Amino acid sequence: MYLFLLLDFQPKSWLKKIQKTQTQKTEQTQTVDSNKPFNTVCPVSGEEVDPEITYQYDGKTYALCCKSCLKKFKNNPEKYIGKLSDDGKSIKKKSE
């Protein structure tokens, strides 16, 4: 009878420890990813980005392909952000 009670309580505490560890790992991952660029294509040129060339605007990190595009982006970020698709993986097609 006592053995049953001990076995009954141990898995619950073990499960709580696992859940707590998973939550902590998720929070750490989210913290690291907050500086990860949102986009994979340059909003100015449409080329593949250089992950080392970034600019933070309105709480998001945007990557650009070169310093020339970075300069243009800094001058008018809203113009170029509007060109990105919702997932940041492509440039929106112009509607005719």
PDB file of N, CA and C in Angstrom:
ATOM      1  N   MET A   1       0.822  -1.193   0.000  1.00  0.00           N
ATOM      2  CA  MET A   1       0.000   0.000   0.000  1.00  0.00           C
ATOM      3  C   MET A   1       0.863   1.252   0.000  1.00  0.00           C
ATOM      4  N   TYR A   2       1.900   1.292   0.822  1.00  0.00           N
ATOM      5  CA  TYR A   2       2.760   2.472   0.862  1.00  0.00           C
ATOM      6  C   TYR A   2       3.533   2.642  -0.440  1.00  0.00           C
ATOM      7  N   LEU A   3       3.929   1.536  -0.993  1.00  0.00           N
ATOM      8  CA  LEU A   3       4.644   1.586  -2.263  1.00  0.00           C
ATOM      9  C   LEU A   3       3.764   2.199  -3.349  1.00  0.00           C
ATOM     10  N   PHE A   4       2.521   1.861  -3.380  1.00  0.00           N
ATOM     11  CA  PHE A   4       1.581   2.415  -4.347  1.00  0.00           C
ATOM     12  C   PHE A   4       1.469   3.928  -4.175  1.00  0.00           C
ATOM     13  N   LEU A   5       1.393   4.410  -2.962  1.00  0.00           N
ATOM     14  CA  LEU A   5       1.292   5.848  -2.715  1.00  0.00           C
ATOM     15  C   LEU A   5       2.554   6.577  -3.184  1.00  0.00           C
ATOM     16  N   LEU A   6       3.715   6.001  -2.929  1.00  0.00           N
ATOM     17  CA  LEU A   6       4.955   6.622  -3.373  1.00  0.00           C
ATOM     18  C   LEU A   6       5.025   6.675  -4.893  1.00  0.00           C
ATOM     19  N   LEU A   7       4.656   5.601  -5.541  1.00  0.00           N
ATOM     20  CA  LEU A   7       4.662   5.580  -6.996  1.00  0.00           C
ATOM     21  C   LEU A   7       3.636   6.540  -7.576  1.00  0.00           C
ATOM     22  N   ASP A   8       2.542   6.719  -6.892  1.00  0.00           N
ATOM     23  CA  ASP A   8       1.494   7.608  -7.362  1.00  0.00           C
ATOM     24  C   ASP A   8       1.951   9.070  -7.350  1.00  0.00           C
ATOM     25  N   PHE A   9       2.753   9.457  -6.391  1.00  0.00           N
ATOM     26  CA  PHE A   9       3.169  10.850  -6.274  1.00  0.00           C
ATOM     27  C   PHE A   9       4.423  11.173  -7.094  1.00  0.00           C
ATOM     28  N   GLN A  10       5.309  10.245  -7.263  1.00  0.00           N
ATOM     29  CA  GLN A  10       6.549  10.521  -7.968  1.00  0.00           C
ATOM     30  C   GLN A  10       6.345  10.928  -9.428  1.00  0.00           C
ATOM     31  N   PRO A  11       5.541  10.247 -10.196  1.00  0.00           N
ATOM     32  CA  PRO A  11       5.389  10.669 -11.593  1.00  0.00           C
ATOM     33  C   PRO A  11       4.837  12.088 -11.724  1.00  0.00           C
ATOM     34  N   LYS A  12       3.967  12.499 -10.842  1.00  0.00           N
ATOM     35  CA  LYS A  12       3.397  13.841 -10.944  1.00  0.00           C
ATOM     36  C   LYS A  12       4.466  14.905 -10.723  1.00  0.00           C
ATOM     37  N   SER A  13       5.317  14.713  -9.716  1.00  0.00           N
ATOM     38  CA  SER A  13       6.370  15.695  -9.476  1.00  0.00           C
ATOM     39  C   SER A  13       7.396  15.660 -10.604  1.00  0.00           C
ATOM     40  N   TRP A  14       7.683  14.484 -11.125  1.00  0.00           N
ATOM     41  CA  TRP A  14       8.610  14.347 -12.237  1.00  0.00           C
ATOM     42  C   TRP A  14       8.071  15.054 -13.476  1.00  0.00           C
ATOM     43  N   LEU A  15       6.769  14.905 -13.726  1.00  0.00           N
ATOM     44  CA  LEU A  15       6.130  15.543 -14.867  1.00  0.00           C
ATOM     45  C   LEU A  15       6.190  17.060 -14.735  1.00  0.00           C
ATOM     46  N   LYS A  16       5.969  17.584 -13.546  1.00  0.00           N
ATOM     47  CA  LYS A  16       6.029  19.031 -13.334  1.00  0.00           C
ATOM     48  C   LYS A  16       7.431  19.559 -13.608  1.00  0.00           C
ATOM     49  N   LYS A  17       8.456  18.803 -13.190  1.00  0.00           N
ATOM     50  CA  LYS A  17       9.831  19.231 -13.441  1.00  0.00           C
ATOM     51  C   LYS A  17      10.119  19.274 -14.935  1.00  0.00           C
ATOM     52  N   ILE A  18       9.646  18.290 -15.662  1.00  0.00           N
ATOM     53  CA  ILE A  18       9.855  18.249 -17.119  1.00  0.00           C
ATOM     54  C   ILE A  18       9.145  19.432 -17.778  1.00  0.00           C
ATOM     55  N   GLN A  19       7.905  19.694 -17.381  1.00  0.00           N
ATOM     56  CA  GLN A  19       7.158  20.800 -17.970  1.00  0.00           C
ATOM     57  C   GLN A  19       7.838  22.130 -17.675  1.00  0.00           C
ATOM     58  N   LYS A  20       8.349  22.300 -16.462  1.00  0.00           N
ATOM     59  CA  LYS A  20       9.029  23.538 -16.089  1.00  0.00           C
ATOM     60  C   LYS A  20      10.290  23.722 -16.931  1.00  0.00           C
ATOM     61  N   THR A  21      11.048  22.654 -17.132  1.00  0.00           N
ATOM     62  CA  THR A  21      12.265  22.708 -17.944  1.00  0.00           C
ATOM     63  C   THR A  21      11.933  23.055 -19.388  1.00  0.00           C
ATOM     64  N   GLN A  22      10.877  22.464 -19.936  1.00  0.00           N
ATOM     65  CA  GLN A  22      10.473  22.759 -21.313  1.00  0.00           C
ATOM     66  C   GLN A  22      10.064  24.214 -21.459  1.00  0.00           C
ATOM     67  N   THR A  23       9.351  24.745 -20.474  1.00  0.00           N
ATOM     68  CA  THR A  23       8.931  26.152 -20.508  1.00  0.00           C
ATOM     69  C   THR A  23      10.150  27.062 -20.483  1.00  0.00           C
ATOM     70  N   GLN A  24      11.127  26.763 -19.653  1.00  0.00           N
ATOM     71  CA  GLN A  24      12.331  27.579 -19.571  1.00  0.00           C
ATOM     72  C   GLN A  24      13.091  27.555 -20.893  1.00  0.00           C
ATOM     73  N   LYS A  25      13.194  26.383 -21.522  1.00  0.00           N
ATOM     74  CA  LYS A  25      13.881  26.282 -22.811  1.00  0.00           C
ATOM     75  C   LYS A  25      13.164  27.086 -23.875  1.00  0.00           C
ATOM     76  N   THR A  26      11.840  27.055 -23.885  1.00  0.00           N
ATOM     77  CA  THR A  26      11.053  27.821 -24.847  1.00  0.00           C
ATOM     78  C   THR A  26      11.286  29.311 -24.654  1.00  0.00           C
ATOM     79  N   GLU A  27      11.291  29.772 -23.419  1.00  0.00           N
ATOM     80  CA  GLU A  27      11.515  31.185 -23.143  1.00  0.00           C
ATOM     81  C   GLU A  27      12.907  31.606 -23.590  1.00  0.00           C
ATOM     82  N   GLN A  28      13.920  30.757 -23.370  1.00  0.00           N
ATOM     83  CA  GLN A  28      15.271  31.071 -23.799  1.00  0.00           C
ATOM     84  C   GLN A  28      15.353  31.152 -25.312  1.00  0.00           C
ATOM     85  N   THR A  29      14.699  30.250 -26.010  1.00  0.00           N
ATOM     86  CA  THR A  29      14.695  30.252 -27.464  1.00  0.00           C
ATOM     87  C   THR A  29      14.035  31.517 -27.995  1.00  0.00           C
ATOM     88  N   GLN A  30      12.918  31.917 -27.392  1.00  0.00           N
ATOM     89  CA  GLN A  30      12.233  33.123 -27.838  1.00  0.00           C
ATOM     90  C   GLN A  30      13.105  34.347 -27.626  1.00  0.00           C
ATOM     91  N   THR A  31      13.872  34.385 -26.551  1.00  0.00           N
ATOM     92  CA  THR A  31      14.752  35.516 -26.298  1.00  0.00           C
ATOM     93  C   THR A  31      15.839  35.592 -27.358  1.00  0.00           C
ATOM     94  N   VAL A  32      16.424  34.467 -27.707  1.00  0.00           N
ATOM     95  CA  VAL A  32      17.468  34.438 -28.728  1.00  0.00           C
ATOM     96  C   VAL A  32      16.901  34.832 -30.079  1.00  0.00           C
ATOM     97  N   ASP A  33      15.713  34.362 -30.431  1.00  0.00           N
ATOM     98  CA  ASP A  33      15.107  34.624 -31.729  1.00  0.00           C
ATOM     99  C   ASP A  33      14.607  36.057 -31.892  1.00  0.00           C
ATOM    100  N   SER A  34      14.501  36.829 -30.807  1.00  0.00           N
ATOM    101  CA  SER A  34      13.965  38.177 -30.933  1.00  0.00           C
ATOM    102  C   SER A  34      14.870  39.071 -31.781  1.00  0.00           C
ATOM    103  N   ASN A  35      16.171  38.762 -31.889  1.00  0.00           N
ATOM    104  CA  ASN A  35      17.080  39.537 -32.720  1.00  0.00           C
ATOM    105  C   ASN A  35      17.274  38.931 -34.102  1.00  0.00           C
ATOM    106  N   LYS A  36      16.626  37.811 -34.346  1.00  0.00           N
ATOM    107  CA  LYS A  36      16.722  37.158 -35.643  1.00  0.00           C
ATOM    108  C   LYS A  36      15.952  37.998 -36.665  1.00  0.00           C
ATOM    109  N   PRO A  37      16.545  38.218 -37.833  1.00  0.00           N
ATOM    110  CA  PRO A  37      15.834  39.004 -38.854  1.00  0.00           C
ATOM    111  C   PRO A  37      14.495  38.394 -39.231  1.00  0.00           C
ATOM    112  N   PHE A  38      13.524  39.256 -39.432  1.00  0.00           N
ATOM    113  CA  PHE A  38      12.170  38.851 -39.810  1.00  0.00           C
ATOM    114  C   PHE A  38      12.145  38.320 -41.235  1.00  0.00           C
ATOM    115  N   ASN A  39      12.919  38.911 -42.113  1.00  0.00           N
ATOM    116  CA  ASN A  39      12.827  38.621 -43.542  1.00  0.00           C
ATOM    117  C   ASN A  39      14.026  37.834 -44.057  1.00  0.00           C
ATOM    118  N   THR A  40      13.810  37.174 -45.203  1.00  0.00           N
ATOM    119  CA  THR A  40      14.898  36.436 -45.857  1.00  0.00           C
ATOM    120  C   THR A  40      15.254  37.047 -47.217  1.00  0.00           C
ATOM    121  N   VAL A  41      14.448  37.982 -47.676  1.00  0.00           N
ATOM    122  CA  VAL A  41      14.774  38.725 -48.903  1.00  0.00           C
ATOM    123  C   VAL A  41      14.878  40.208 -48.557  1.00  0.00           C
ATOM    124  N   CYS A  42      15.744  40.883 -49.265  1.00  0.00           N
ATOM    125  CA  CYS A  42      15.965  42.305 -49.041  1.00  0.00           C
ATOM    126  C   CYS A  42      14.719  43.079 -49.493  1.00  0.00           C
ATOM    127  N   PRO A  43      14.157  43.911 -48.620  1.00  0.00           N
ATOM    128  CA  PRO A  43      12.964  44.669 -49.002  1.00  0.00           C
ATOM    129  C   PRO A  43      13.246  45.764 -50.036  1.00  0.00           C
ATOM    130  N   VAL A  44      14.514  46.099 -50.222  1.00  0.00           N
ATOM    131  CA  VAL A  44      14.874  47.142 -51.189  1.00  0.00           C
ATOM    132  C   VAL A  44      15.137  46.538 -52.567  1.00  0.00           C
ATOM    133  N   SER A  45      15.993  45.512 -52.625  1.00  0.00           N
ATOM    134  CA  SER A  45      16.404  44.961 -53.927  1.00  0.00           C
ATOM    135  C   SER A  45      15.702  43.655 -54.301  1.00  0.00           C
ATOM    136  N   GLY A  46      15.179  42.936 -53.320  1.00  0.00           N
ATOM    137  CA  GLY A  46      14.565  41.639 -53.578  1.00  0.00           C
ATOM    138  C   GLY A  46      15.566  40.494 -53.592  1.00  0.00           C
ATOM    139  N   GLU A  47      16.840  40.805 -53.342  1.00  0.00           N
ATOM    140  CA  GLU A  47      17.898  39.790 -53.311  1.00  0.00           C
ATOM    141  C   GLU A  47      17.917  39.076 -51.958  1.00  0.00           C
ATOM    142  N   GLU A  48      18.676  37.983 -51.880  1.00  0.00           N
ATOM    143  CA  GLU A  48      18.854  37.269 -50.617  1.00  0.00           C
ATOM    144  C   GLU A  48      19.593  38.189 -49.633  1.00  0.00           C
ATOM    145  N   VAL A  49      19.186  38.159 -48.359  1.00  0.00           N
ATOM    146  CA  VAL A  49      19.770  39.055 -47.364  1.00  0.00           C
ATOM    147  C   VAL A  49      21.112  38.558 -46.848  1.00  0.00           C
ATOM    148  N   ASP A  50      21.880  39.488 -46.313  1.00  0.00           N
ATOM    149  CA  ASP A  50      23.100  39.185 -45.563  1.00  0.00           C
ATOM    150  C   ASP A  50      22.704  39.311 -44.092  1.00  0.00           C
ATOM    151  N   PRO A  51      22.675  38.212 -43.332  1.00  0.00           N
ATOM    152  CA  PRO A  51      22.201  38.271 -41.950  1.00  0.00           C
ATOM    153  C   PRO A  51      23.037  39.171 -41.041  1.00  0.00           C
ATOM    154  N   GLU A  52      24.196  39.614 -41.513  1.00  0.00           N
ATOM    155  CA  GLU A  52      25.042  40.513 -40.725  1.00  0.00           C
ATOM    156  C   GLU A  52      24.625  41.980 -40.896  1.00  0.00           C
ATOM    157  N   ILE A  53      23.876  42.278 -41.945  1.00  0.00           N
ATOM    158  CA  ILE A  53      23.444  43.660 -42.203  1.00  0.00           C
ATOM    159  C   ILE A  53      21.981  43.771 -41.796  1.00  0.00           C
ATOM    160  N   THR A  54      21.738  44.335 -40.620  1.00  0.00           N
ATOM    161  CA  THR A  54      20.377  44.412 -40.080  1.00  0.00           C
ATOM    162  C   THR A  54      20.063  45.807 -39.584  1.00  0.00           C
ATOM    163  N   TYR A  55      18.773  46.054 -39.437  1.00  0.00           N
ATOM    164  CA  TYR A  55      18.286  47.327 -38.909  1.00  0.00           C
ATOM    165  C   TYR A  55      17.018  47.046 -38.113  1.00  0.00           C
ATOM    166  N   GLN A  56      16.950  47.577 -36.912  1.00  0.00           N
ATOM    167  CA  GLN A  56      15.751  47.389 -36.091  1.00  0.00           C
ATOM    168  C   GLN A  56      14.813  48.570 -36.291  1.00  0.00           C
ATOM    169  N   TYR A  57      13.551  48.230 -36.540  1.00  0.00           N
ATOM    170  CA  TYR A  57      12.531  49.259 -36.737  1.00  0.00           C
ATOM    171  C   TYR A  57      11.218  48.748 -36.182  1.00  0.00           C
ATOM    172  N   ASP A  58      10.599  49.534 -35.354  1.00  0.00           N
ATOM    173  CA  ASP A  58       9.276  49.236 -34.787  1.00  0.00           C
ATOM    174  C   ASP A  58       9.225  47.844 -34.131  1.00  0.00           C
ATOM    175  N   GLY A  59      10.280  47.505 -33.393  1.00  0.00           N
ATOM    176  CA  GLY A  59      10.303  46.254 -32.647  1.00  0.00           C
ATOM    177  C   GLY A  59      10.681  45.015 -33.442  1.00  0.00           C
ATOM    178  N   LYS A  60      11.003  45.160 -34.717  1.00  0.00           N
ATOM    179  CA  LYS A  60      11.403  44.023 -35.548  1.00  0.00           C
ATOM    180  C   LYS A  60      12.794  44.264 -36.102  1.00  0.00           C
ATOM    181  N   THR A  61      13.497  43.174 -36.346  1.00  0.00           N
ATOM    182  CA  THR A  61      14.812  43.247 -36.970  1.00  0.00           C
ATOM    183  C   THR A  61      14.669  42.867 -38.438  1.00  0.00           C
ATOM    184  N   TYR A  62      15.129  43.745 -39.302  1.00  0.00           N
ATOM    185  CA  TYR A  62      15.075  43.511 -40.745  1.00  0.00           C
ATOM    186  C   TYR A  62      16.500  43.334 -41.263  1.00  0.00           C
ATOM    187  N   ALA A  63      16.702  42.376 -42.141  1.00  0.00           N
ATOM    188  CA  ALA A  63      17.999  42.145 -42.769  1.00  0.00           C
ATOM    189  C   ALA A  63      17.954  42.701 -44.189  1.00  0.00           C
ATOM    190  N   LEU A  64      19.113  43.153 -44.649  1.00  0.00           N
ATOM    191  CA  LEU A  64      19.230  43.682 -46.004  1.00  0.00           C
ATOM    192  C   LEU A  64      20.405  43.018 -46.691  1.00  0.00           C
ATOM    193  N   CYS A  65      20.511  43.203 -47.995  1.00  0.00           N
ATOM    194  CA  CYS A  65      21.553  42.489 -48.735  1.00  0.00           C
ATOM    195  C   CYS A  65      22.885  43.223 -48.745  1.00  0.00           C
ATOM    196  N   CYS A  66      22.856  44.555 -48.604  1.00  0.00           N
ATOM    197  CA  CYS A  66      24.099  45.324 -48.684  1.00  0.00           C
ATOM    198  C   CYS A  66      23.955  46.655 -47.954  1.00  0.00           C
ATOM    199  N   LYS A  67      25.058  47.349 -47.793  1.00  0.00           N
ATOM    200  CA  LYS A  67      25.037  48.624 -47.072  1.00  0.00           C
ATOM    201  C   LYS A  67      24.292  49.710 -47.850  1.00  0.00           C
ATOM    202  N   SER A  68      24.320  49.621 -49.155  1.00  0.00           N
ATOM    203  CA  SER A  68      23.600  50.590 -49.979  1.00  0.00           C
ATOM    204  C   SER A  68      22.080  50.480 -49.723  1.00  0.00           C
ATOM    205  N   CYS A  69      21.589  49.242 -49.664  1.00  0.00           N
ATOM    206  CA  CYS A  69      20.161  49.029 -49.380  1.00  0.00           C
ATOM    207  C   CYS A  69      19.827  49.421 -47.945  1.00  0.00           C
ATOM    208  N   LEU A  70      20.767  49.194 -47.032  1.00  0.00           N
ATOM    209  CA  LEU A  70      20.563  49.596 -45.639  1.00  0.00           C
ATOM    210  C   LEU A  70      20.346  51.104 -45.548  1.00  0.00           C
ATOM    211  N   LYS A  71      21.140  51.867 -46.268  1.00  0.00           N
ATOM    212  CA  LYS A  71      21.016  53.327 -46.269  1.00  0.00           C
ATOM    213  C   LYS A  71      19.637  53.758 -46.798  1.00  0.00           C
ATOM    214  N   LYS A  72      19.197  53.155 -47.895  1.00  0.00           N
ATOM    215  CA  LYS A  72      17.875  53.468 -48.459  1.00  0.00           C
ATOM    216  C   LYS A  72      16.761  53.090 -47.486  1.00  0.00           C
ATOM    217  N   PHE A  73      16.903  51.922 -46.852  1.00  0.00           N
ATOM    218  CA  PHE A  73      15.895  51.439 -45.904  1.00  0.00           C
ATOM    219  C   PHE A  73      15.782  52.385 -44.715  1.00  0.00           C
ATOM    220  N   LYS A  74      16.910  52.840 -44.197  1.00  0.00           N
ATOM    221  CA  LYS A  74      16.905  53.749 -43.045  1.00  0.00           C
ATOM    222  C   LYS A  74      16.181  55.060 -43.369  1.00  0.00           C
ATOM    223  N   ASN A  75      16.296  55.532 -44.607  1.00  0.00           N
ATOM    224  CA  ASN A  75      15.661  56.790 -45.005  1.00  0.00           C
ATOM    225  C   ASN A  75      14.144  56.705 -45.095  1.00  0.00           C
ATOM    226  N   ASN A  76      13.612  55.514 -45.396  1.00  0.00           N
ATOM    227  CA  ASN A  76      12.164  55.367 -45.539  1.00  0.00           C
ATOM    228  C   ASN A  76      11.750  53.909 -45.283  1.00  0.00           C
ATOM    229  N   PRO A  77      11.836  53.453 -44.028  1.00  0.00           N
ATOM    230  CA  PRO A  77      11.546  52.037 -43.755  1.00  0.00           C
ATOM    231  C   PRO A  77      10.128  51.615 -44.114  1.00  0.00           C
ATOM    232  N   GLU A  78       9.146  52.460 -43.897  1.00  0.00           N
ATOM    233  CA  GLU A  78       7.745  52.101 -44.185  1.00  0.00           C
ATOM    234  C   GLU A  78       7.546  51.750 -45.661  1.00  0.00           C
ATOM    235  N   LYS A  79       8.204  52.479 -46.527  1.00  0.00           N
ATOM    236  CA  LYS A  79       8.103  52.232 -47.974  1.00  0.00           C
ATOM    237  C   LYS A  79       8.541  50.806 -48.312  1.00  0.00           C
ATOM    238  N   TYR A  80       9.649  50.387 -47.732  1.00  0.00           N
ATOM    239  CA  TYR A  80      10.214  49.082 -48.057  1.00  0.00           C
ATOM    240  C   TYR A  80       9.568  47.941 -47.274  1.00  0.00           C
ATOM    241  N   ILE A  81       9.153  48.197 -46.058  1.00  0.00           N
ATOM    242  CA  ILE A  81       8.455  47.172 -45.271  1.00  0.00           C
ATOM    243  C   ILE A  81       7.160  46.776 -45.977  1.00  0.00           C
ATOM    244  N   GLY A  82       6.490  47.753 -46.558  1.00  0.00           N
ATOM    245  CA  GLY A  82       5.245  47.497 -47.272  1.00  0.00           C
ATOM    246  C   GLY A  82       5.415  46.591 -48.488  1.00  0.00           C
ATOM    247  N   LYS A  83       6.633  46.492 -48.995  1.00  0.00           N
ATOM    248  CA  LYS A  83       6.899  45.637 -50.159  1.00  0.00           C
ATOM    249  C   LYS A  83       7.056  44.164 -49.787  1.00  0.00           C
ATOM    250  N   LEU A  84       7.362  43.890 -48.496  1.00  0.00           N
ATOM    251  CA  LEU A  84       7.584  42.504 -48.060  1.00  0.00           C
ATOM    252  C   LEU A  84       6.277  41.743 -47.916  1.00  0.00           C
ATOM    253  N   SER A  85       6.316  40.457 -48.220  1.00  0.00           N
ATOM    254  CA  SER A  85       5.163  39.588 -47.978  1.00  0.00           C
ATOM    255  C   SER A  85       4.984  39.451 -46.463  1.00  0.00           C
ATOM    256  N   ASP A  86       3.854  38.920 -46.043  1.00  0.00           N
ATOM    257  CA  ASP A  86       3.562  38.787 -44.618  1.00  0.00           C
ATOM    258  C   ASP A  86       4.581  37.923 -43.875  1.00  0.00           C
ATOM    259  N   ASP A  87       5.163  36.939 -44.564  1.00  0.00           N
ATOM    260  CA  ASP A  87       6.144  36.072 -43.911  1.00  0.00           C
ATOM    261  C   ASP A  87       7.589  36.542 -44.122  1.00  0.00           C
ATOM    262  N   GLY A  88       7.778  37.605 -44.904  1.00  0.00           N
ATOM    263  CA  GLY A  88       9.113  38.150 -45.136  1.00  0.00           C
ATOM    264  C   GLY A  88       9.989  37.335 -46.063  1.00  0.00           C
ATOM    265  N   LYS A  89       9.384  36.384 -46.768  1.00  0.00           N
ATOM    266  CA  LYS A  89      10.167  35.495 -47.624  1.00  0.00           C
ATOM    267  C   LYS A  89      10.141  35.894 -49.095  1.00  0.00           C
ATOM    268  N   SER A  90       9.358  36.918 -49.420  1.00  0.00           N
ATOM    269  CA  SER A  90       9.284  37.367 -50.807  1.00  0.00           C
ATOM    270  C   SER A  90       8.814  38.814 -50.863  1.00  0.00           C
ATOM    271  N   ILE A  91       8.909  39.380 -52.052  1.00  0.00           N
ATOM    272  CA  ILE A  91       8.419  40.736 -52.305  1.00  0.00           C
ATOM    273  C   ILE A  91       7.018  40.598 -52.882  1.00  0.00           C
ATOM    274  N   LYS A  92       6.100  41.443 -52.420  1.00  0.00           N
ATOM    275  CA  LYS A  92       4.726  41.408 -52.932  1.00  0.00           C
ATOM    276  C   LYS A  92       4.717  41.792 -54.404  1.00  0.00           C
ATOM    277  N   LYS A  93       3.875  41.150 -55.142  1.00  0.00           N
ATOM    278  CA  LYS A  93       3.707  41.491 -56.561  1.00  0.00           C
ATOM    279  C   LYS A  93       2.862  42.746 -56.654  1.00  0.00           C
ATOM    280  N   LYS A  94       3.201  43.606 -57.606  1.00  0.00           N
ATOM    281  CA  LYS A  94       2.423  44.827 -57.812  1.00  0.00           C
ATOM    282  C   LYS A  94       1.064  44.466 -58.385  1.00  0.00           C
ATOM    283  N   SER A  95       0.014  45.042 -57.814  1.00  0.00           N
ATOM    284  CA  SER A  95      -1.315  44.788 -58.349  1.00  0.00           C
ATOM    285  C   SER A  95      -1.573  45.744 -59.502  1.00  0.00           C
ATOM    286  N   GLU A  96      -2.194  45.229 -60.534  1.00  0.00           N
ATOM    287  CA  GLU A  96      -2.441  46.045 -61.729  1.00  0.00           C
ATOM    288  C   GLU A  96      -3.850  46.538 -61.780  1.00  0.00           C
TER     289      GLU A  96
END
